[in-house]
PDB file of N, CA and C in Angstrom:
ATOM      1  N   MET A   1       4.031  -9.476  34.320  1.00  0.00           N
ATOM      2  CA  MET A   1       3.597 -10.651  33.598  1.00  0.00           C
ATOM      3  C   MET A   1       2.445 -11.288  34.378  1.00  0.00           C
ATOM      4  N   ALA A   2       1.424 -11.673  33.688  1.00  0.00           N
ATOM      5  CA  ALA A   2       0.256 -12.282  34.334  1.00  0.00           C
ATOM      6  C   ALA A   2       0.480 -13.775  34.492  1.00  0.00           C
ATOM      7  N   SER A   3      -0.016 -14.303  35.582  1.00  0.00           N
ATOM      8  CA  SER A   3       0.052 -15.752  35.773  1.00  0.00           C
ATOM      9  C   SER A   3      -1.363 -16.256  35.997  1.00  0.00           C
ATOM     10  N   LEU A   4      -1.566 -17.507  35.666  1.00  0.00           N
ATOM     11  CA  LEU A   4      -2.894 -18.093  35.719  1.00  0.00           C
ATOM     12  C   LEU A   4      -2.820 -19.397  36.491  1.00  0.00           C
ATOM     13  N   LEU A   5      -3.700 -19.571  37.445  1.00  0.00           N
ATOM     14  CA  LEU A   5      -3.762 -20.819  38.194  1.00  0.00           C
ATOM     15  C   LEU A   5      -5.049 -21.511  37.792  1.00  0.00           C
ATOM     16  N   LEU A   6      -4.908 -22.676  37.173  1.00  0.00           N
ATOM     17  CA  LEU A   6      -6.079 -23.405  36.692  1.00  0.00           C
ATOM     18  C   LEU A   6      -6.352 -24.584  37.618  1.00  0.00           C
ATOM     19  N   THR A   7      -7.609 -24.731  37.965  1.00  0.00           N
ATOM     20  CA  THR A   7      -7.960 -25.826  38.867  1.00  0.00           C
ATOM     21  C   THR A   7      -8.625 -26.969  38.135  1.00  0.00           C
ATOM     22  N   ASP A   8      -9.274 -26.703  37.042  1.00  0.00           N
ATOM     23  CA  ASP A   8      -9.859 -27.786  36.250  1.00  0.00           C
ATOM     24  C   ASP A   8      -9.918 -27.362  34.781  1.00  0.00           C
ATOM     25  N   SER A   9     -10.294 -28.280  33.903  1.00  0.00           N
ATOM     26  CA  SER A   9     -10.263 -28.002  32.468  1.00  0.00           C
ATOM     27  C   SER A   9     -11.326 -26.992  32.041  1.00  0.00           C
ATOM     28  N   SER A  10     -12.392 -26.802  32.802  1.00  0.00           N
ATOM     29  CA  SER A  10     -13.422 -25.832  32.415  1.00  0.00           C
ATOM     30  C   SER A  10     -12.858 -24.412  32.446  1.00  0.00           C
ATOM     31  N   HIS A  11     -11.962 -24.133  33.388  1.00  0.00           N
ATOM     32  CA  HIS A  11     -11.329 -22.815  33.438  1.00  0.00           C
ATOM     33  C   HIS A  11     -10.404 -22.607  32.238  1.00  0.00           C
ATOM     34  N   LEU A  12      -9.781 -23.674  31.798  1.00  0.00           N
ATOM     35  CA  LEU A  12      -8.874 -23.581  30.659  1.00  0.00           C
ATOM     36  C   LEU A  12      -9.620 -23.077  29.428  1.00  0.00           C
ATOM     37  N   ASN A  13     -10.776 -23.657  29.156  1.00  0.00           N
ATOM     38  CA  ASN A  13     -11.559 -23.214  28.001  1.00  0.00           C
ATOM     39  C   ASN A  13     -12.032 -21.779  28.186  1.00  0.00           C
ATOM     40  N   SER A  14     -12.513 -21.459  29.355  1.00  0.00           N
ATOM     41  CA  SER A  14     -13.018 -20.114  29.614  1.00  0.00           C
ATOM     42  C   SER A  14     -11.899 -19.077  29.486  1.00  0.00           C
ATOM     43  N   ASP A  15     -10.747 -19.348  30.096  1.00  0.00           N
ATOM     44  CA  ASP A  15      -9.624 -18.415  30.031  1.00  0.00           C
ATOM     45  C   ASP A  15      -9.085 -18.310  28.611  1.00  0.00           C
ATOM     46  N   GLY A  16      -9.065 -19.427  27.904  1.00  0.00           N
ATOM     47  CA  GLY A  16      -8.592 -19.421  26.521  1.00  0.00           C
ATOM     48  C   GLY A  16      -9.468 -18.544  25.647  1.00  0.00           C
ATOM     49  N   GLN A  17     -10.753 -18.538  25.923  1.00  0.00           N
ATOM     50  CA  GLN A  17     -11.663 -17.697  25.150  1.00  0.00           C
ATOM     51  C   GLN A  17     -11.424 -16.218  25.444  1.00  0.00           C
ATOM     52  N   HIS A  18     -11.093 -15.900  26.678  1.00  0.00           N
ATOM     53  CA  HIS A  18     -10.872 -14.502  27.036  1.00  0.00           C
ATOM     54  C   HIS A  18      -9.566 -13.955  26.464  1.00  0.00           C
ATOM     55  N   PHE A  19      -8.558 -14.788  26.335  1.00  0.00           N
ATOM     56  CA  PHE A  19      -7.245 -14.323  25.898  1.00  0.00           C
ATOM     57  C   PHE A  19      -6.976 -14.573  24.419  1.00  0.00           C
ATOM     58  N   ARG A  20      -7.916 -15.163  23.723  1.00  0.00           N
ATOM     59  CA  ARG A  20      -7.719 -15.468  22.305  1.00  0.00           C
ATOM     60  C   ARG A  20      -7.771 -14.169  21.499  1.00  0.00           C
ATOM     61  N   TYR A  21      -6.846 -14.049  20.544  1.00  0.00           N
ATOM     62  CA  TYR A  21      -6.837 -12.877  19.665  1.00  0.00           C
ATOM     63  C   TYR A  21      -7.854 -13.100  18.556  1.00  0.00           C
ATOM     64  N   ILE A  22      -8.748 -12.157  18.382  1.00  0.00           N
ATOM     65  CA  ILE A  22      -9.740 -12.235  17.320  1.00  0.00           C
ATOM     66  C   ILE A  22      -9.486 -11.055  16.379  1.00  0.00           C
ATOM     67  N   PRO A  23      -8.996 -11.335  15.170  1.00  0.00           N
ATOM     68  CA  PRO A  23      -8.706 -10.232  14.252  1.00  0.00           C
ATOM     69  C   PRO A  23      -9.982  -9.522  13.817  1.00  0.00           C
ATOM     70  N   LYS A  24      -9.855  -8.237  13.525  1.00  0.00           N
ATOM     71  CA  LYS A  24     -11.005  -7.466  13.066  1.00  0.00           C
ATOM     72  C   LYS A  24     -11.377  -7.831  11.633  1.00  0.00           C
ATOM     73  N   PHE A  25     -10.385  -8.215  10.854  1.00  0.00           N
ATOM     74  CA  PHE A  25     -10.622  -8.534   9.453  1.00  0.00           C
ATOM     75  C   PHE A  25     -10.234  -9.978   9.188  1.00  0.00           C
ATOM     76  N   ARG A  26     -10.929 -10.586   8.263  1.00  0.00           N
ATOM     77  CA  ARG A  26     -10.548 -11.938   7.850  1.00  0.00           C
ATOM     78  C   ARG A  26      -9.281 -11.838   7.016  1.00  0.00           C
ATOM     79  N   PRO A  27      -8.500 -12.912   6.954  1.00  0.00           N
ATOM     80  CA  PRO A  27      -7.252 -12.873   6.174  1.00  0.00           C
ATOM     81  C   PRO A  27      -7.475 -12.456   4.723  1.00  0.00           C
ATOM     82  N   SER A  28      -8.582 -12.889   4.118  1.00  0.00           N
ATOM     83  CA  SER A  28      -8.829 -12.520   2.722  1.00  0.00           C
ATOM     84  C   SER A  28      -9.040 -11.014   2.579  1.00  0.00           C
ATOM     85  N   GLU A  29      -9.668 -10.382   3.581  1.00  0.00           N
ATOM     86  CA  GLU A  29      -9.873  -8.937   3.537  1.00  0.00           C
ATOM     87  C   GLU A  29      -8.548  -8.194   3.691  1.00  0.00           C
ATOM     88  N   VAL A  30      -7.687  -8.706   4.548  1.00  0.00           N
ATOM     89  CA  VAL A  30      -6.368  -8.087   4.738  1.00  0.00           C
ATOM     90  C   VAL A  30      -5.562  -8.204   3.454  1.00  0.00           C
ATOM     91  N   THR A  31      -5.596  -9.377   2.831  1.00  0.00           N
ATOM     92  CA  THR A  31      -4.876  -9.586   1.581  1.00  0.00           C
ATOM     93  C   THR A  31      -5.404  -8.659   0.496  1.00  0.00           C
ATOM     94  N   ALA A  32      -6.707  -8.522   0.418  1.00  0.00           N
ATOM     95  CA  ALA A  32      -7.308  -7.637  -0.586  1.00  0.00           C
ATOM     96  C   ALA A  32      -6.901  -6.186  -0.336  1.00  0.00           C
ATOM     97  N   ALA A  33      -6.888  -5.777   0.916  1.00  0.00           N
ATOM     98  CA  ALA A  33      -6.502  -4.400   1.245  1.00  0.00           C
ATOM     99  C   ALA A  33      -5.040  -4.147   0.883  1.00  0.00           C
ATOM    100  N   LYS A  34      -4.166  -5.109   1.185  1.00  0.00           N
ATOM    101  CA  LYS A  34      -2.747  -4.958   0.828  1.00  0.00           C
ATOM    102  C   LYS A  34      -2.586  -4.885  -0.686  1.00  0.00           C
ATOM    103  N   HIS A  35      -3.341  -5.724  -1.395  1.00  0.00           N
ATOM    104  CA  HIS A  35      -3.269  -5.742  -2.852  1.00  0.00           C
ATOM    105  C   HIS A  35      -3.708  -4.395  -3.426  1.00  0.00           C
ATOM    106  N   MET A  36      -4.803  -3.850  -2.907  1.00  0.00           N
ATOM    107  CA  MET A  36      -5.285  -2.550  -3.369  1.00  0.00           C
ATOM    108  C   MET A  36      -4.260  -1.457  -3.087  1.00  0.00           C
ATOM    109  N   PHE A  37      -3.654  -1.495  -1.907  1.00  0.00           N
ATOM    110  CA  PHE A  37      -2.642  -0.504  -1.544  1.00  0.00           C
ATOM    111  C   PHE A  37      -1.456  -0.576  -2.502  1.00  0.00           C
ATOM    112  N   LEU A  38      -0.987  -1.791  -2.790  1.00  0.00           N
ATOM    113  CA  LEU A  38       0.149  -1.946  -3.697  1.00  0.00           C
ATOM    114  C   LEU A  38      -0.205  -1.485  -5.108  1.00  0.00           C
ATOM    115  N   GLN A  39      -1.444  -1.739  -5.541  1.00  0.00           N
ATOM    116  CA  GLN A  39      -1.867  -1.263  -6.856  1.00  0.00           C
ATOM    117  C   GLN A  39      -1.830   0.260  -6.923  1.00  0.00           C
ATOM    118  N   ILE A  40      -2.302   0.909  -5.880  1.00  0.00           N
ATOM    119  CA  ILE A  40      -2.307   2.375  -5.847  1.00  0.00           C
ATOM    120  C   ILE A  40      -0.882   2.913  -5.902  1.00  0.00           C
ATOM    121  N   ILE A  41       0.019   2.302  -5.131  1.00  0.00           N
ATOM    122  CA  ILE A  41       1.421   2.738  -5.128  1.00  0.00           C
ATOM    123  C   ILE A  41       2.040   2.548  -6.511  1.00  0.00           C
ATOM    124  N   CYS A  42       1.794   1.402  -7.134  1.00  0.00           N
ATOM    125  CA  CYS A  42       2.351   1.141  -8.467  1.00  0.00           C
ATOM    126  C   CYS A  42       1.798   2.122  -9.491  1.00  0.00           C
ATOM    127  N   GLN A  43       0.491   2.373  -9.436  1.00  0.00           N
ATOM    128  CA  GLN A  43      -0.111   3.323 -10.369  1.00  0.00           C
ATOM    129  C   GLN A  43       0.477   4.719 -10.176  1.00  0.00           C
ATOM    130  N   HIS A  44       0.691   5.092  -8.935  1.00  0.00           N
ATOM    131  CA  HIS A  44       1.279   6.404  -8.647  1.00  0.00           C
ATOM    132  C   HIS A  44       2.678   6.508  -9.244  1.00  0.00           C
ATOM    133  N   ARG A  45       3.468   5.459  -9.073  1.00  0.00           N
ATOM    134  CA  ARG A  45       4.838   5.479  -9.603  1.00  0.00           C
ATOM    135  C   ARG A  45       4.846   5.516 -11.124  1.00  0.00           C
ATOM    136  N   VAL A  46       3.947   4.755 -11.743  1.00  0.00           N
ATOM    137  CA  VAL A  46       3.867   4.755 -13.206  1.00  0.00           C
ATOM    138  C   VAL A  46       3.458   6.135 -13.706  1.00  0.00           C
ATOM    139  N   MET A  47       2.444   6.713 -13.084  1.00  0.00           N
ATOM    140  CA  MET A  47       1.988   8.040 -13.504  1.00  0.00           C
ATOM    141  C   MET A  47       3.085   9.088 -13.304  1.00  0.00           C
ATOM    142  N   ALA A  48       3.802   9.011 -12.198  1.00  0.00           N
ATOM    143  CA  ALA A  48       4.887   9.962 -11.947  1.00  0.00           C
ATOM    144  C   ALA A  48       5.967   9.835 -13.021  1.00  0.00           C
ATOM    145  N   ALA A  49       6.290   8.595 -13.397  1.00  0.00           N
ATOM    146  CA  ALA A  49       7.299   8.377 -14.434  1.00  0.00           C
ATOM    147  C   ALA A  49       6.815   8.904 -15.785  1.00  0.00           C
ATOM    148  N   LEU A  50       5.544   8.667 -16.101  1.00  0.00           N
ATOM    149  CA  LEU A  50       5.000   9.157 -17.368  1.00  0.00           C
ATOM    150  C   LEU A  50       4.975  10.682 -17.419  1.00  0.00           C
ATOM    151  N   ILE A  51       4.598  11.297 -16.318  1.00  0.00           N
ATOM    152  CA  ILE A  51       4.571  12.760 -16.273  1.00  0.00           C
ATOM    153  C   ILE A  51       5.977  13.325 -16.441  1.00  0.00           C
ATOM    154  N   LYS A  52       6.937  12.705 -15.765  1.00  0.00           N
ATOM    155  CA  LYS A  52       8.321  13.173 -15.875  1.00  0.00           C
ATOM    156  C   LYS A  52       8.825  13.008 -17.306  1.00  0.00           C
ATOM    157  N   GLU A  53       8.522  11.849 -17.913  1.00  0.00           N
ATOM    158  CA  GLU A  53       8.950  11.599 -19.288  1.00  0.00           C
ATOM    159  C   GLU A  53       8.266  12.572 -20.246  1.00  0.00           C
ATOM    160  N   SER A  54       6.975  12.816 -20.037  1.00  0.00           N
ATOM    161  CA  SER A  54       6.240  13.749 -20.895  1.00  0.00           C
ATOM    162  C   SER A  54       6.827  15.144 -20.796  1.00  0.00           C
ATOM    163  N   ALA A  55       7.155  15.566 -19.592  1.00  0.00           N
ATOM    164  CA  ALA A  55       7.736  16.895 -19.401  1.00  0.00           C
ATOM    165  C   ALA A  55       9.060  17.007 -20.141  1.00  0.00           C
ATOM    166  N   THR A  56       9.854  15.945 -20.113  1.00  0.00           N
ATOM    167  CA  THR A  56      11.142  15.945 -20.811  1.00  0.00           C
ATOM    168  C   THR A  56      10.928  16.034 -22.317  1.00  0.00           C
ATOM    169  N   VAL A  57       9.970  15.257 -22.833  1.00  0.00           N
ATOM    170  CA  VAL A  57       9.683  15.275 -24.272  1.00  0.00           C
ATOM    171  C   VAL A  57       9.176  16.650 -24.687  1.00  0.00           C
ATOM    172  N   TYR A  58       8.236  17.200 -23.927  1.00  0.00           N
ATOM    173  CA  TYR A  58       7.693  18.514 -24.269  1.00  0.00           C
ATOM    174  C   TYR A  58       8.766  19.597 -24.202  1.00  0.00           C
ATOM    175  N   GLN A  59       9.645  19.511 -23.237  1.00  0.00           N
ATOM    176  CA  GLN A  59      10.723  20.500 -23.133  1.00  0.00           C
ATOM    177  C   GLN A  59      11.632  20.410 -24.348  1.00  0.00           C
ATOM    178  N   HIS A  60      11.885  19.188 -24.820  1.00  0.00           N
ATOM    179  CA  HIS A  60      12.712  18.989 -26.015  1.00  0.00           C
ATOM    180  C   HIS A  60      12.035  19.618 -27.238  1.00  0.00           C
ATOM    181  N   VAL A  61      10.729  19.407 -27.373  1.00  0.00           N
ATOM    182  CA  VAL A  61       9.978  19.978 -28.500  1.00  0.00           C
ATOM    183  C   VAL A  61       9.992  21.503 -28.424  1.00  0.00           C
ATOM    184  N   ILE A  62       9.787  22.041 -27.235  1.00  0.00           N
ATOM    185  CA  ILE A  62       9.807  23.498 -27.057  1.00  0.00           C
ATOM    186  C   ILE A  62      11.172  24.065 -27.426  1.00  0.00           C
ATOM    187  N   ASN A  63      12.233  23.382 -27.008  1.00  0.00           N
ATOM    188  CA  ASN A  63      13.587  23.844 -27.350  1.00  0.00           C
ATOM    189  C   ASN A  63      13.813  23.827 -28.860  1.00  0.00           C
ATOM    190  N   GLU A  64      13.332  22.772 -29.534  1.00  0.00           N
ATOM    191  CA  GLU A  64      13.475  22.695 -30.990  1.00  0.00           C
ATOM    192  C   GLU A  64      12.706  23.822 -31.669  1.00  0.00           C
ATOM    193  N   LEU A  65      11.470  24.055 -31.211  1.00  0.00           N
ATOM    194  CA  LEU A  65      10.666  25.131 -31.797  1.00  0.00           C
ATOM    195  C   LEU A  65      11.311  26.490 -31.561  1.00  0.00           C
ATOM    196  N   ALA A  66      11.838  26.692 -30.384  1.00  0.00           N
ATOM    197  CA  ALA A  66      12.501  27.961 -30.075  1.00  0.00           C
ATOM    198  C   ALA A  66      13.713  28.152 -30.973  1.00  0.00           C
ATOM    199  N   GLY A  67      14.433  27.053 -31.215  1.00  0.00           N
ATOM    200  CA  GLY A  67      15.591  27.127 -32.107  1.00  0.00           C
ATOM    201  C   GLY A  67      15.183  27.459 -33.527  1.00  0.00           C
ATOM    202  N   GLU A  68      14.093  26.850 -33.993  1.00  0.00           N
ATOM    203  CA  GLU A  68      13.610  27.125 -35.343  1.00  0.00           C
ATOM    204  C   GLU A  68      13.109  28.560 -35.460  1.00  0.00           C
ATOM    205  N   LEU A  69      12.445  29.046 -34.428  1.00  0.00           N
ATOM    206  CA  LEU A  69      11.958  30.425 -34.454  1.00  0.00           C
ATOM    207  C   LEU A  69      13.121  31.411 -34.458  1.00  0.00           C
ATOM    208  N   GLY A  70      14.193  31.027 -33.800  1.00  0.00           N
ATOM    209  CA  GLY A  70      15.374  31.892 -33.781  1.00  0.00           C
ATOM    210  C   GLY A  70      16.055  31.956 -35.133  1.00  0.00           C
ATOM    211  N   ASN A  71      15.886  30.912 -35.950  1.00  0.00           N
ATOM    212  CA  ASN A  71      16.514  30.864 -37.272  1.00  0.00           C
ATOM    213  C   ASN A  71      15.687  31.578 -38.335  1.00  0.00           C
ATOM    214  N   ILE A  72      14.478  31.966 -37.999  1.00  0.00           N
ATOM    215  CA  ILE A  72      13.614  32.595 -39.011  1.00  0.00           C
ATOM    216  C   ILE A  72      13.990  34.047 -39.191  1.00  0.00           C
TER     217      ILE A  72
END
């Protein structure tokens, strides 16, 4: 653990500047990035559900057609 010995207030400002966390992105940029990520995840889930549902519907149609062809 680091310790700091301050002798006057000028060191306090200087040391505070050195140890201050400066984020790479502004909060609005982080929020926008999170929003975009969540949109992509939601779109992926919706598309996956639609593809699965479409496959089920098409399989049902194929089964019906196969049954009709068998009756001919």
